[in-house]
Amino acid sequence: MNVVDEALNELSIKRIKLQKTFSEYNENRGFSYEEWVNPPAGSFYEGYKKELADIDNAMAPALQYQ
């Protein structure tokens, strides 16, 4: 397995763990659409969205047009 595959596997594992944390959080506290759409600073949803976006951007970076 090459370095790129290993990095993608690690990112996939992080993403799955993050999704599990999201599910557990919502099972325990209930889903708040209001906080999902406009998360307060420092909230779980804000951190989740940021971390998920970071992982997604690392796995599939934006196209660069010339």
N, C-alpha and C. Protein backbone atom coordinates (compact mmCIF):
# COMPACT_ATOMS: atom_id res chain seq x y z
N MET A 1 0.85 -1.18 0.00
CA MET A 1 0.00 0.00 0.00
C MET A 1 0.90 1.24 0.00
N ASN A 2 0.57 2.20 -0.84
CA ASN A 2 1.41 3.39 -0.91
C ASN A 2 0.96 4.45 0.10
N VAL A 3 1.70 5.51 0.18
CA VAL A 3 1.47 6.56 1.17
C VAL A 3 0.10 7.23 0.97
N VAL A 4 -0.30 7.43 -0.29
CA VAL A 4 -1.58 8.07 -0.57
C VAL A 4 -2.73 7.20 -0.08
N ASP A 5 -2.65 5.90 -0.35
CA ASP A 5 -3.70 4.99 0.10
C ASP A 5 -3.79 4.97 1.62
N GLU A 6 -2.65 4.96 2.28
CA GLU A 6 -2.63 4.96 3.74
C GLU A 6 -3.26 6.23 4.30
N ALA A 7 -2.95 7.37 3.70
CA ALA A 7 -3.52 8.64 4.15
C ALA A 7 -5.04 8.65 3.96
N LEU A 8 -5.50 8.14 2.81
CA LEU A 8 -6.94 8.09 2.56
C LEU A 8 -7.64 7.13 3.51
N ASN A 9 -6.99 6.02 3.83
CA ASN A 9 -7.57 5.08 4.80
C ASN A 9 -7.69 5.73 6.17
N GLU A 10 -6.66 6.46 6.58
CA GLU A 10 -6.71 7.15 7.87
C GLU A 10 -7.83 8.19 7.89
N LEU A 11 -7.97 8.93 6.80
CA LEU A 11 -9.05 9.92 6.73
C LEU A 11 -10.42 9.25 6.76
N SER A 12 -10.54 8.13 6.09
CA SER A 12 -11.81 7.39 6.10
C SER A 12 -12.15 6.93 7.51
N ILE A 13 -11.15 6.45 8.23
CA ILE A 13 -11.37 6.00 9.61
C ILE A 13 -11.79 7.18 10.49
N LYS A 14 -11.13 8.33 10.32
CA LYS A 14 -11.50 9.53 11.08
C LYS A 14 -12.93 9.95 10.77
N ARG A 15 -13.31 9.86 9.49
CA ARG A 15 -14.66 10.27 9.07
C ARG A 15 -15.72 9.34 9.67
N ILE A 16 -15.45 8.06 9.67
CA ILE A 16 -16.40 7.10 10.26
C ILE A 16 -16.54 7.34 11.75
N LYS A 17 -15.43 7.57 12.46
CA LYS A 17 -15.49 7.86 13.90
C LYS A 17 -16.27 9.14 14.16
N LEU A 18 -16.04 10.15 13.31
CA LEU A 18 -16.75 11.41 13.46
C LEU A 18 -18.25 11.22 13.26
N GLN A 19 -18.64 10.44 12.27
CA GLN A 19 -20.05 10.17 12.02
C GLN A 19 -20.68 9.40 13.18
N LYS A 20 -19.92 8.48 13.77
CA LYS A 20 -20.42 7.74 14.93
C LYS A 20 -20.65 8.68 16.10
N THR A 21 -19.70 9.60 16.32
CA THR A 21 -19.84 10.59 17.38
C THR A 21 -21.08 11.45 17.15
N PHE A 22 -21.31 11.84 15.89
CA PHE A 22 -22.49 12.64 15.54
C PHE A 22 -23.77 11.88 15.87
N SER A 23 -23.83 10.62 15.50
CA SER A 23 -25.01 9.80 15.77
C SER A 23 -25.25 9.66 17.27
N GLU A 24 -24.20 9.38 18.02
CA GLU A 24 -24.34 9.24 19.47
C GLU A 24 -24.77 10.54 20.12
N TYR A 25 -24.21 11.64 19.66
CA TYR A 25 -24.59 12.95 20.21
C TYR A 25 -26.08 13.20 20.02
N ASN A 26 -26.57 12.94 18.82
CA ASN A 26 -27.98 13.19 18.52
C ASN A 26 -28.91 12.19 19.19
N GLU A 27 -28.45 10.96 19.38
CA GLU A 27 -29.25 9.98 20.11
C GLU A 27 -29.43 10.40 21.57
N ASN A 28 -28.39 10.94 22.16
CA ASN A 28 -28.42 11.33 23.57
C ASN A 28 -29.11 12.67 23.81
N ARG A 29 -28.96 13.60 22.89
CA ARG A 29 -29.47 14.95 23.12
C ARG A 29 -30.60 15.36 22.19
N GLY A 30 -30.82 14.58 21.15
CA GLY A 30 -31.82 14.96 20.16
C GLY A 30 -31.20 15.90 19.13
N PHE A 31 -31.71 15.85 17.93
CA PHE A 31 -31.19 16.69 16.86
C PHE A 31 -31.84 18.06 16.91
N SER A 32 -31.04 19.11 16.82
CA SER A 32 -31.53 20.48 16.81
C SER A 32 -31.28 21.08 15.42
N TYR A 33 -32.34 21.19 14.64
CA TYR A 33 -32.20 21.75 13.31
C TYR A 33 -31.72 23.20 13.39
N GLU A 34 -32.21 23.93 14.35
CA GLU A 34 -31.82 25.33 14.52
C GLU A 34 -30.31 25.45 14.75
N GLU A 35 -29.76 24.61 15.63
CA GLU A 35 -28.33 24.66 15.88
C GLU A 35 -27.53 24.10 14.71
N TRP A 36 -28.12 23.18 13.95
CA TRP A 36 -27.44 22.63 12.78
C TRP A 36 -27.27 23.70 11.71
N VAL A 37 -28.33 24.47 11.48
CA VAL A 37 -28.30 25.50 10.45
C VAL A 37 -27.42 26.67 10.86
N ASN A 38 -27.52 27.07 12.11
CA ASN A 38 -26.77 28.22 12.61
C ASN A 38 -26.13 27.85 13.95
N PRO A 39 -25.04 27.07 13.90
CA PRO A 39 -24.45 26.59 15.16
C PRO A 39 -23.79 27.71 15.95
N PRO A 40 -24.06 27.74 17.27
CA PRO A 40 -23.40 28.71 18.12
C PRO A 40 -21.89 28.46 18.16
N ALA A 41 -21.14 29.50 18.38
CA ALA A 41 -19.68 29.37 18.45
C ALA A 41 -19.30 28.38 19.54
N GLY A 42 -18.42 27.46 19.18
CA GLY A 42 -17.95 26.48 20.15
C GLY A 42 -18.87 25.30 20.37
N SER A 43 -19.98 25.24 19.63
CA SER A 43 -20.94 24.15 19.83
C SER A 43 -20.46 22.86 19.16
N PHE A 44 -21.08 21.76 19.52
CA PHE A 44 -20.76 20.48 18.92
C PHE A 44 -20.94 20.53 17.41
N TYR A 45 -22.06 21.09 16.96
CA TYR A 45 -22.35 21.13 15.52
C TYR A 45 -21.32 21.96 14.75
N GLU A 46 -20.87 23.05 15.33
CA GLU A 46 -19.86 23.86 14.66
C GLU A 46 -18.56 23.06 14.49
N GLY A 47 -18.14 22.40 15.56
CA GLY A 47 -16.93 21.59 15.50
C GLY A 47 -17.07 20.42 14.54
N TYR A 48 -18.24 19.79 14.56
CA TYR A 48 -18.48 18.66 13.66
C TYR A 48 -18.41 19.10 12.20
N LYS A 49 -19.09 20.18 11.88
CA LYS A 49 -19.10 20.65 10.49
C LYS A 49 -17.69 21.03 10.02
N LYS A 50 -16.93 21.69 10.90
CA LYS A 50 -15.57 22.09 10.53
C LYS A 50 -14.68 20.88 10.31
N GLU A 51 -14.73 19.93 11.23
CA GLU A 51 -13.88 18.75 11.10
C GLU A 51 -14.28 17.91 9.88
N LEU A 52 -15.58 17.79 9.64
CA LEU A 52 -16.05 17.04 8.47
C LEU A 52 -15.59 17.72 7.18
N ALA A 53 -15.68 19.04 7.12
CA ALA A 53 -15.24 19.77 5.94
C ALA A 53 -13.73 19.61 5.73
N ASP A 54 -12.97 19.63 6.82
CA ASP A 54 -11.52 19.44 6.72
C ASP A 54 -11.19 18.06 6.14
N ILE A 55 -11.87 17.04 6.63
CA ILE A 55 -11.64 15.68 6.14
C ILE A 55 -12.05 15.57 4.68
N ASP A 56 -13.23 16.09 4.34
CA ASP A 56 -13.71 16.02 2.96
C ASP A 56 -12.77 16.75 2.01
N ASN A 57 -12.27 17.91 2.42
CA ASN A 57 -11.35 18.67 1.57
C ASN A 57 -10.01 17.96 1.39
N ALA A 58 -9.58 17.25 2.42
CA ALA A 58 -8.34 16.49 2.30
C ALA A 58 -8.51 15.27 1.40
N MET A 59 -9.70 14.66 1.47
CA MET A 59 -9.95 13.47 0.65
C MET A 59 -10.20 13.82 -0.82
N ALA A 60 -10.85 14.94 -1.05
CA ALA A 60 -11.17 15.35 -2.41
C ALA A 60 -10.98 16.86 -2.50
N PRO A 61 -9.75 17.31 -2.70
CA PRO A 61 -9.48 18.75 -2.75
C PRO A 61 -10.22 19.42 -3.91
N ALA A 62 -10.47 20.69 -3.74
CA ALA A 62 -11.16 21.47 -4.78
C ALA A 62 -10.32 21.49 -6.06
N LEU A 63 -10.99 21.47 -7.17
CA LEU A 63 -10.30 21.54 -8.47
C LEU A 63 -9.67 22.90 -8.65
N GLN A 64 -8.50 22.92 -9.22
CA GLN A 64 -7.80 24.17 -9.51
C GLN A 64 -7.83 24.39 -11.03
N TYR A 65 -8.49 25.43 -11.44
CA TYR A 65 -8.58 25.75 -12.87
C TYR A 65 -7.46 26.71 -13.25
N GLN A 66 -6.96 26.56 -14.46
CA GLN A 66 -5.89 27.43 -14.92
C GLN A 66 -6.42 28.45 -15.89
